[in-house]
Amino acid sequence: MKDAISALGLTRSTNASVLGTTRSTIEGHLKALSACRKCPRMHKPVVLGRAIASKVMLVGQAPGDKEPVLGRPFAWTAGKTLFKWFNEAMGWTEDESRDRIYFAAVCRCFPGKRPEGGDRVPAPDEIANCSEWMKREFGLLEPELVLPVGKLAIGLFLGEGQVPPLVEVIGKVFRVNYDGRELDCIPLPHPSGASPWHRVEPGRTLLRRAFKLMAAHKAMGV
């Protein structure tokens, strides 16, 4: 088991004051983000991950109705599946995963329900508003690896106006440019229980391949 320093992709020679300043800066960013009220249709509170100075950023889609109550992203059924994947591939518990990876999202607030049922998909203006916060995070963290989870998040990095089919992107590493910063991207399917994609072929094999690529990436520190 690696310690907290190596888990962040840092070395023993990293100046402790620099690490402390980075964490303090991230905490300040999250405090400002928690006060965001740009999108009147979104349900508060803003759902935030931990103030982790990681070179790996996981980008989800948007919180469900349970996450605002429990106060953390991926807190319910989909989260159990996601952290099961990390445990099987990396040997990490949920707590260790949250301490090693910075959790972001396309939108940080629960969008609400559709009249016909199911969660509402965030509107383009809401996605644009929240992307300003993520751009700040990219500037603060300078991540080397991004893990978009689900089609909405994958489209943000690989879509170019159209979300590619999962079978074409899962299990691969892409070099992407986000807000002028180049980094590696390993897409993941959404772990929702409503979708069987990751439980049947070719999804199962492609998912395992994605986690092997992830485990081998230098930014993971494993």
C-alpha atoms as a PDB file:
ATOM      1  CA  MET A   1       0.000   0.000   0.000  1.00  0.00           C
ATOM      2  CA  LYS A   2       1.466   3.324  -1.046  1.00  0.00           C
ATOM      3  CA  ASP A   3       1.381   6.265   1.330  1.00  0.00           C
ATOM      4  CA  ALA A   4      -0.531   9.498   0.737  1.00  0.00           C
ATOM      5  CA  ILE A   5       2.448  11.270  -0.862  1.00  0.00           C
ATOM      6  CA  SER A   6       3.125   8.626  -3.503  1.00  0.00           C
ATOM      7  CA  ALA A   7      -0.609   8.150  -4.077  1.00  0.00           C
ATOM      8  CA  LEU A   8      -0.765  11.741  -5.300  1.00  0.00           C
ATOM      9  CA  GLY A   9       1.926  11.085  -7.849  1.00  0.00           C
ATOM     10  CA  LEU A  10       4.463  13.068  -5.803  1.00  0.00           C
ATOM     11  CA  THR A  11       7.849  12.130  -4.367  1.00  0.00           C
ATOM     12  CA  ARG A  12       9.405  12.210  -0.922  1.00  0.00           C
ATOM     13  CA  SER A  13      11.371  15.257  -2.002  1.00  0.00           C
ATOM     14  CA  THR A  14       8.204  17.247  -2.638  1.00  0.00           C
ATOM     15  CA  ASN A  15       8.208  20.274  -0.366  1.00  0.00           C
ATOM     16  CA  ALA A  16       5.540  19.798   2.292  1.00  0.00           C
ATOM     17  CA  SER A  17       4.650  23.478   2.259  1.00  0.00           C
ATOM     18  CA  VAL A  18       3.943  23.289  -1.484  1.00  0.00           C
ATOM     19  CA  LEU A  19       1.634  20.311  -0.942  1.00  0.00           C
ATOM     20  CA  GLY A  20      -0.095  22.183   1.889  1.00  0.00           C
ATOM     21  CA  THR A  21      -0.520  25.285  -0.259  1.00  0.00           C
ATOM     22  CA  THR A  22      -1.987  23.204  -3.078  1.00  0.00           C
ATOM     23  CA  ARG A  23      -4.510  21.585  -0.744  1.00  0.00           C
ATOM     24  CA  SER A  24      -5.358  24.951   0.780  1.00  0.00           C
ATOM     25  CA  THR A  25      -5.896  26.411  -2.692  1.00  0.00           C
ATOM     26  CA  ILE A  26      -8.158  23.526  -3.679  1.00  0.00           C
ATOM     27  CA  GLU A  27     -10.141  23.922  -0.453  1.00  0.00           C
ATOM     28  CA  GLY A  28     -10.612  27.601  -1.302  1.00  0.00           C
ATOM     29  CA  HIS A  29     -11.766  26.670  -4.795  1.00  0.00           C
ATOM     30  CA  LEU A  30     -14.283  24.143  -3.457  1.00  0.00           C
ATOM     31  CA  LYS A  31     -15.612  26.683  -0.969  1.00  0.00           C
ATOM     32  CA  ALA A  32     -16.253  29.129  -3.807  1.00  0.00           C
ATOM     33  CA  LEU A  33     -17.807  26.381  -5.931  1.00  0.00           C
ATOM     34  CA  SER A  34     -20.149  25.394  -3.108  1.00  0.00           C
ATOM     35  CA  ALA A  35     -21.582  28.926  -3.178  1.00  0.00           C
ATOM     36  CA  CYS A  36     -22.287  28.877  -6.939  1.00  0.00           C
ATOM     37  CA  ARG A  37     -25.846  29.872  -7.875  1.00  0.00           C
ATOM     38  CA  LYS A  38     -25.487  30.336 -11.640  1.00  0.00           C
ATOM     39  CA  CYS A  39     -28.118  27.770 -12.642  1.00  0.00           C
ATOM     40  CA  PRO A  40     -31.599  28.412 -11.170  1.00  0.00           C
ATOM     41  CA  ARG A  41     -33.020  25.100 -12.426  1.00  0.00           C
ATOM     42  CA  MET A  42     -30.373  23.083 -10.593  1.00  0.00           C
ATOM     43  CA  HIS A  43     -31.085  21.702  -7.120  1.00  0.00           C
ATOM     44  CA  LYS A  44     -28.727  22.672  -4.304  1.00  0.00           C
ATOM     45  CA  PRO A  45     -26.463  21.916  -2.533  1.00  0.00           C
ATOM     46  CA  VAL A  46     -23.475  21.645  -4.855  1.00  0.00           C
ATOM     47  CA  VAL A  47     -22.002  18.128  -4.591  1.00  0.00           C
ATOM     48  CA  LEU A  48     -18.236  18.132  -4.094  1.00  0.00           C
ATOM     49  CA  GLY A  49     -15.440  15.600  -3.766  1.00  0.00           C
ATOM     50  CA  ARG A  50     -12.447  15.865  -1.470  1.00  0.00           C
ATOM     51  CA  ALA A  51      -9.718  18.519  -1.735  1.00  0.00           C
ATOM     52  CA  ILE A  52      -7.187  16.121  -3.247  1.00  0.00           C
ATOM     53  CA  ALA A  53      -4.027  17.345  -5.003  1.00  0.00           C
ATOM     54  CA  SER A  54      -4.061  14.522  -7.541  1.00  0.00           C
ATOM     55  CA  LYS A  55      -2.785  14.250 -11.105  1.00  0.00           C
ATOM     56  CA  VAL A  56      -5.813  12.076 -11.905  1.00  0.00           C
ATOM     57  CA  MET A  57      -9.250  13.630 -12.344  1.00  0.00           C
ATOM     58  CA  LEU A  58     -12.438  11.599 -12.593  1.00  0.00           C
ATOM     59  CA  VAL A  59     -15.270  13.479 -14.302  1.00  0.00           C
ATOM     60  CA  GLY A  60     -18.781  12.200 -13.708  1.00  0.00           C
ATOM     61  CA  GLN A  61     -21.978  13.376 -15.379  1.00  0.00           C
ATOM     62  CA  ALA A  62     -24.137  14.974 -12.669  1.00  0.00           C
ATOM     63  CA  PRO A  63     -25.269  13.965  -9.166  1.00  0.00           C
ATOM     64  CA  GLY A  64     -28.414  11.977  -8.615  1.00  0.00           C
ATOM     65  CA  ASP A  65     -30.980  12.752  -5.934  1.00  0.00           C
ATOM     66  CA  LYS A  66     -29.099  10.837  -3.221  1.00  0.00           C
ATOM     67  CA  GLU A  67     -25.722  12.585  -3.560  1.00  0.00           C
ATOM     68  CA  PRO A  68     -26.871  16.015  -2.269  1.00  0.00           C
ATOM     69  CA  VAL A  69     -28.269  14.336   0.847  1.00  0.00           C
ATOM     70  CA  LEU A  70     -25.186  12.198   1.474  1.00  0.00           C
ATOM     71  CA  GLY A  71     -22.791  15.004   0.559  1.00  0.00           C
ATOM     72  CA  ARG A  72     -20.415  13.309  -1.880  1.00  0.00           C
ATOM     73  CA  PRO A  73     -20.310  12.250  -5.547  1.00  0.00           C
ATOM     74  CA  PHE A  74     -21.073   8.646  -6.491  1.00  0.00           C
ATOM     75  CA  ALA A  75     -22.629   8.022  -3.091  1.00  0.00           C
ATOM     76  CA  TRP A  76     -25.366   5.596  -4.107  1.00  0.00           C
ATOM     77  CA  THR A  77     -25.851   2.526  -6.319  1.00  0.00           C
ATOM     78  CA  ALA A  78     -23.675   3.662  -9.232  1.00  0.00           C
ATOM     79  CA  GLY A  79     -20.953   4.567  -6.758  1.00  0.00           C
ATOM     80  CA  LYS A  80     -20.953   1.096  -5.249  1.00  0.00           C
ATOM     81  CA  THR A  81     -20.321  -0.333  -8.693  1.00  0.00           C
ATOM     82  CA  LEU A  82     -17.657   2.253  -9.536  1.00  0.00           C
ATOM     83  CA  PHE A  83     -15.693   1.609  -6.350  1.00  0.00           C
ATOM     84  CA  LYS A  84     -16.071  -2.140  -6.851  1.00  0.00           C
ATOM     85  CA  TRP A  85     -14.293  -1.663 -10.191  1.00  0.00           C
ATOM     86  CA  PHE A  86     -11.472   0.229  -8.494  1.00  0.00           C
ATOM     87  CA  ASN A  87     -11.182  -2.403  -5.780  1.00  0.00           C
ATOM     88  CA  GLU A  88     -11.003  -5.268  -8.248  1.00  0.00           C
ATOM     89  CA  ALA A  89      -8.473  -3.536 -10.512  1.00  0.00           C
ATOM     90  CA  MET A  90      -6.365  -1.542  -8.033  1.00  0.00           C
ATOM     91  CA  GLY A  91      -7.074  -3.122  -4.667  1.00  0.00           C
ATOM     92  CA  TRP A  92      -8.329   0.230  -3.365  1.00  0.00           C
ATOM     93  CA  THR A  93     -11.223   0.701  -0.967  1.00  0.00           C
ATOM     94  CA  GLU A  94     -13.777   3.442  -1.657  1.00  0.00           C
ATOM     95  CA  ASP A  95     -12.043   5.694   0.858  1.00  0.00           C
ATOM     96  CA  GLU A  96      -8.639   5.114  -0.735  1.00  0.00           C
ATOM     97  CA  SER A  97     -10.062   5.826  -4.189  1.00  0.00           C
ATOM     98  CA  ARG A  98     -11.531   9.119  -2.997  1.00  0.00           C
ATOM     99  CA  ASP A  99      -8.186  10.034  -1.429  1.00  0.00           C
ATOM    100  CA  ARG A 100      -6.191   9.298  -4.601  1.00  0.00           C
ATOM    101  CA  ILE A 101      -8.388  10.727  -7.345  1.00  0.00           C
ATOM    102  CA  TYR A 102      -9.935  14.188  -7.665  1.00  0.00           C
ATOM    103  CA  PHE A 103     -13.673  13.856  -8.312  1.00  0.00           C
ATOM    104  CA  ALA A 104     -15.256  16.407 -10.629  1.00  0.00           C
ATOM    105  CA  ALA A 105     -18.352  16.342 -12.862  1.00  0.00           C
ATOM    106  CA  VAL A 106     -19.851  17.906 -15.962  1.00  0.00           C
ATOM    107  CA  CYS A 107     -22.389  19.462 -13.571  1.00  0.00           C
ATOM    108  CA  ARG A 108     -22.048  19.485  -9.772  1.00  0.00           C
ATOM    109  CA  CYS A 109     -25.724  19.944  -8.866  1.00  0.00           C
ATOM    110  CA  PHE A 110     -28.667  17.554  -9.156  1.00  0.00           C
ATOM    111  CA  PRO A 111     -30.610  18.579 -12.307  1.00  0.00           C
ATOM    112  CA  GLY A 112     -33.939  17.298 -10.996  1.00  0.00           C
ATOM    113  CA  LYS A 113     -36.372  14.782 -12.441  1.00  0.00           C
ATOM    114  CA  ARG A 114     -38.064  14.740 -15.832  1.00  0.00           C
ATOM    115  CA  PRO A 115     -41.884  14.795 -15.815  1.00  0.00           C
ATOM    116  CA  GLU A 116     -41.889  11.394 -17.519  1.00  0.00           C
ATOM    117  CA  GLY A 117     -39.400   9.989 -14.987  1.00  0.00           C
ATOM    118  CA  GLY A 118     -35.633   9.695 -14.724  1.00  0.00           C
ATOM    119  CA  ASP A 119     -33.076  12.416 -14.100  1.00  0.00           C
ATOM    120  CA  ARG A 120     -33.111  15.501 -16.305  1.00  0.00           C
ATOM    121  CA  VAL A 121     -30.121  15.891 -18.634  1.00  0.00           C
ATOM    122  CA  PRO A 122     -28.310  19.177 -17.908  1.00  0.00           C
ATOM    123  CA  ALA A 123     -28.946  21.925 -20.456  1.00  0.00           C
ATOM    124  CA  PRO A 124     -26.097  23.319 -22.602  1.00  0.00           C
ATOM    125  CA  ASP A 125     -26.009  26.573 -20.625  1.00  0.00           C
ATOM    126  CA  GLU A 126     -25.741  24.639 -17.350  1.00  0.00           C
ATOM    127  CA  ILE A 127     -22.888  22.544 -18.736  1.00  0.00           C
ATOM    128  CA  ALA A 128     -21.154  25.713 -19.929  1.00  0.00           C
ATOM    129  CA  ASN A 129     -21.562  27.384 -16.530  1.00  0.00           C
ATOM    130  CA  CYS A 130     -20.107  24.421 -14.664  1.00  0.00           C
ATOM    131  CA  SER A 131     -17.271  23.961 -17.151  1.00  0.00           C
ATOM    132  CA  GLU A 132     -15.811  27.258 -15.935  1.00  0.00           C
ATOM    133  CA  TRP A 133     -15.244  25.648 -12.534  1.00  0.00           C
ATOM    134  CA  MET A 134     -13.621  22.582 -14.077  1.00  0.00           C
ATOM    135  CA  LYS A 135     -11.318  24.767 -16.168  1.00  0.00           C
ATOM    136  CA  ARG A 136     -10.129  26.348 -12.917  1.00  0.00           C
ATOM    137  CA  GLU A 137      -9.493  22.872 -11.504  1.00  0.00           C
ATOM    138  CA  PHE A 138      -7.437  21.927 -14.545  1.00  0.00           C
ATOM    139  CA  GLY A 139      -5.378  25.042 -13.927  1.00  0.00           C
ATOM    140  CA  LEU A 140      -4.904  24.235 -10.234  1.00  0.00           C
ATOM    141  CA  LEU A 141      -4.192  20.518 -10.515  1.00  0.00           C
ATOM    142  CA  GLU A 142      -2.625  20.251 -13.979  1.00  0.00           C
ATOM    143  CA  PRO A 143      -3.856  16.637 -14.263  1.00  0.00           C
ATOM    144  CA  GLU A 144      -2.033  14.117 -16.427  1.00  0.00           C
ATOM    145  CA  LEU A 145      -4.965  11.713 -16.726  1.00  0.00           C
ATOM    146  CA  VAL A 146      -8.708  12.315 -16.951  1.00  0.00           C
ATOM    147  CA  LEU A 147     -11.311   9.573 -16.473  1.00  0.00           C
ATOM    148  CA  PRO A 148     -14.657  10.662 -17.959  1.00  0.00           C
ATOM    149  CA  VAL A 149     -17.476   8.431 -16.705  1.00  0.00           C
ATOM    150  CA  GLY A 150     -20.557   8.085 -18.874  1.00  0.00           C
ATOM    151  CA  LYS A 151     -21.527   9.450 -22.274  1.00  0.00           C
ATOM    152  CA  LEU A 152     -22.121  13.040 -21.163  1.00  0.00           C
ATOM    153  CA  ALA A 153     -18.640  13.266 -19.644  1.00  0.00           C
ATOM    154  CA  ILE A 154     -16.981  11.351 -22.487  1.00  0.00           C
ATOM    155  CA  GLY A 155     -18.547  13.734 -24.982  1.00  0.00           C
ATOM    156  CA  LEU A 156     -16.982  16.668 -23.177  1.00  0.00           C
ATOM    157  CA  PHE A 157     -13.508  15.366 -24.033  1.00  0.00           C
ATOM    158  CA  LEU A 158     -14.024  13.238 -27.146  1.00  0.00           C
ATOM    159  CA  GLY A 159     -17.377  14.218 -28.581  1.00  0.00           C
ATOM    160  CA  GLU A 160     -16.532  17.035 -30.990  1.00  0.00           C
ATOM    161  CA  GLY A 161     -20.251  17.708 -31.240  1.00  0.00           C
ATOM    162  CA  GLN A 162     -21.329  14.062 -31.143  1.00  0.00           C
ATOM    163  CA  VAL A 163     -20.846  11.447 -28.431  1.00  0.00           C
ATOM    164  CA  PRO A 164     -18.991   8.437 -29.869  1.00  0.00           C
ATOM    165  CA  PRO A 165     -20.333   4.894 -29.279  1.00  0.00           C
ATOM    166  CA  LEU A 166     -18.945   3.333 -26.106  1.00  0.00           C
ATOM    167  CA  VAL A 167     -17.555   0.368 -28.007  1.00  0.00           C
ATOM    168  CA  GLU A 168     -15.276   2.760 -29.908  1.00  0.00           C
ATOM    169  CA  VAL A 169     -13.788   4.498 -26.860  1.00  0.00           C
ATOM    170  CA  ILE A 170     -13.811   2.186 -23.811  1.00  0.00           C
ATOM    171  CA  GLY A 171     -10.559   0.270 -23.341  1.00  0.00           C
ATOM    172  CA  LYS A 172      -8.449   2.897 -25.127  1.00  0.00           C
ATOM    173  CA  VAL A 173      -6.194   5.816 -24.200  1.00  0.00           C
ATOM    174  CA  PHE A 174      -6.689   9.097 -26.020  1.00  0.00           C
ATOM    175  CA  ARG A 175      -4.489  12.175 -26.046  1.00  0.00           C
ATOM    176  CA  VAL A 176      -6.864  15.108 -25.608  1.00  0.00           C
ATOM    177  CA  ASN A 177      -6.690  18.855 -25.284  1.00  0.00           C
ATOM    178  CA  TYR A 178      -8.938  20.497 -22.718  1.00  0.00           C
ATOM    179  CA  ASP A 179      -8.837  24.255 -22.313  1.00  0.00           C
ATOM    180  CA  GLY A 180      -5.380  24.377 -23.874  1.00  0.00           C
ATOM    181  CA  ARG A 181      -3.944  21.546 -21.755  1.00  0.00           C
ATOM    182  CA  GLU A 182      -2.901  18.214 -23.202  1.00  0.00           C
ATOM    183  CA  LEU A 183      -3.389  15.061 -21.155  1.00  0.00           C
ATOM    184  CA  ASP A 184      -4.344  11.403 -21.451  1.00  0.00           C
ATOM    185  CA  CYS A 185      -7.968  10.323 -21.340  1.00  0.00           C
ATOM    186  CA  ILE A 186      -9.284   6.855 -20.457  1.00  0.00           C
ATOM    187  CA  PRO A 187     -13.095   6.805 -20.772  1.00  0.00           C
ATOM    188  CA  LEU A 188     -15.267   4.630 -18.552  1.00  0.00           C
ATOM    189  CA  PRO A 189     -18.903   3.566 -18.985  1.00  0.00           C
ATOM    190  CA  HIS A 190     -21.388   4.852 -16.472  1.00  0.00           C
ATOM    191  CA  PRO A 191     -21.778   2.308 -13.634  1.00  0.00           C
ATOM    192  CA  SER A 192     -25.532   2.803 -13.459  1.00  0.00           C
ATOM    193  CA  GLY A 193     -27.584  -0.254 -12.662  1.00  0.00           C
ATOM    194  CA  ALA A 194     -30.002   0.838 -15.379  1.00  0.00           C
ATOM    195  CA  SER A 195     -27.436   0.102 -18.085  1.00  0.00           C
ATOM    196  CA  PRO A 196     -26.323  -3.481 -18.794  1.00  0.00           C
ATOM    197  CA  TRP A 197     -23.470  -2.348 -21.060  1.00  0.00           C
ATOM    198  CA  HIS A 198     -20.662  -2.966 -18.589  1.00  0.00           C
ATOM    199  CA  ARG A 199     -22.103  -6.345 -17.540  1.00  0.00           C
ATOM    200  CA  VAL A 200     -22.235  -7.981 -20.979  1.00  0.00           C
ATOM    201  CA  GLU A 201     -19.797  -8.433 -23.854  1.00  0.00           C
ATOM    202  CA  PRO A 202     -18.022  -6.638 -25.318  1.00  0.00           C
ATOM    203  CA  GLY A 203     -18.487  -4.154 -22.464  1.00  0.00           C
ATOM    204  CA  ARG A 204     -17.058  -6.417 -19.756  1.00  0.00           C
ATOM    205  CA  THR A 205     -13.838  -7.069 -21.645  1.00  0.00           C
ATOM    206  CA  LEU A 206     -13.423  -3.430 -22.694  1.00  0.00           C
ATOM    207  CA  LEU A 207     -13.962  -2.274 -19.119  1.00  0.00           C
ATOM    208  CA  ARG A 208     -11.248  -4.617 -17.831  1.00  0.00           C
ATOM    209  CA  ARG A 209      -8.950  -3.346 -20.573  1.00  0.00           C
ATOM    210  CA  ALA A 210      -9.624   0.251 -19.528  1.00  0.00           C
ATOM    211  CA  PHE A 211      -8.657  -0.468 -15.923  1.00  0.00           C
ATOM    212  CA  LYS A 212      -5.466  -2.251 -17.013  1.00  0.00           C
ATOM    213  CA  LEU A 213      -4.496   0.847 -18.971  1.00  0.00           C
ATOM    214  CA  MET A 214      -5.359   2.980 -15.994  1.00  0.00           C
ATOM    215  CA  ALA A 215      -3.298   0.881 -13.573  1.00  0.00           C
ATOM    216  CA  ALA A 216      -0.284   1.148 -15.887  1.00  0.00           C
ATOM    217  CA  HIS A 217      -0.506   4.927 -16.241  1.00  0.00           C
ATOM    218  CA  LYS A 218       2.219   6.842 -14.409  1.00  0.00           C
ATOM    219  CA  ALA A 219      -0.261   9.336 -12.980  1.00  0.00           C
ATOM    220  CA  MET A 220      -1.979   6.593 -10.959  1.00  0.00           C
ATOM    221  CA  GLY A 221       1.109   6.076  -8.798  1.00  0.00           C
ATOM    222  CA  VAL A 222       0.535   2.318  -8.417  1.00  0.00           C
END
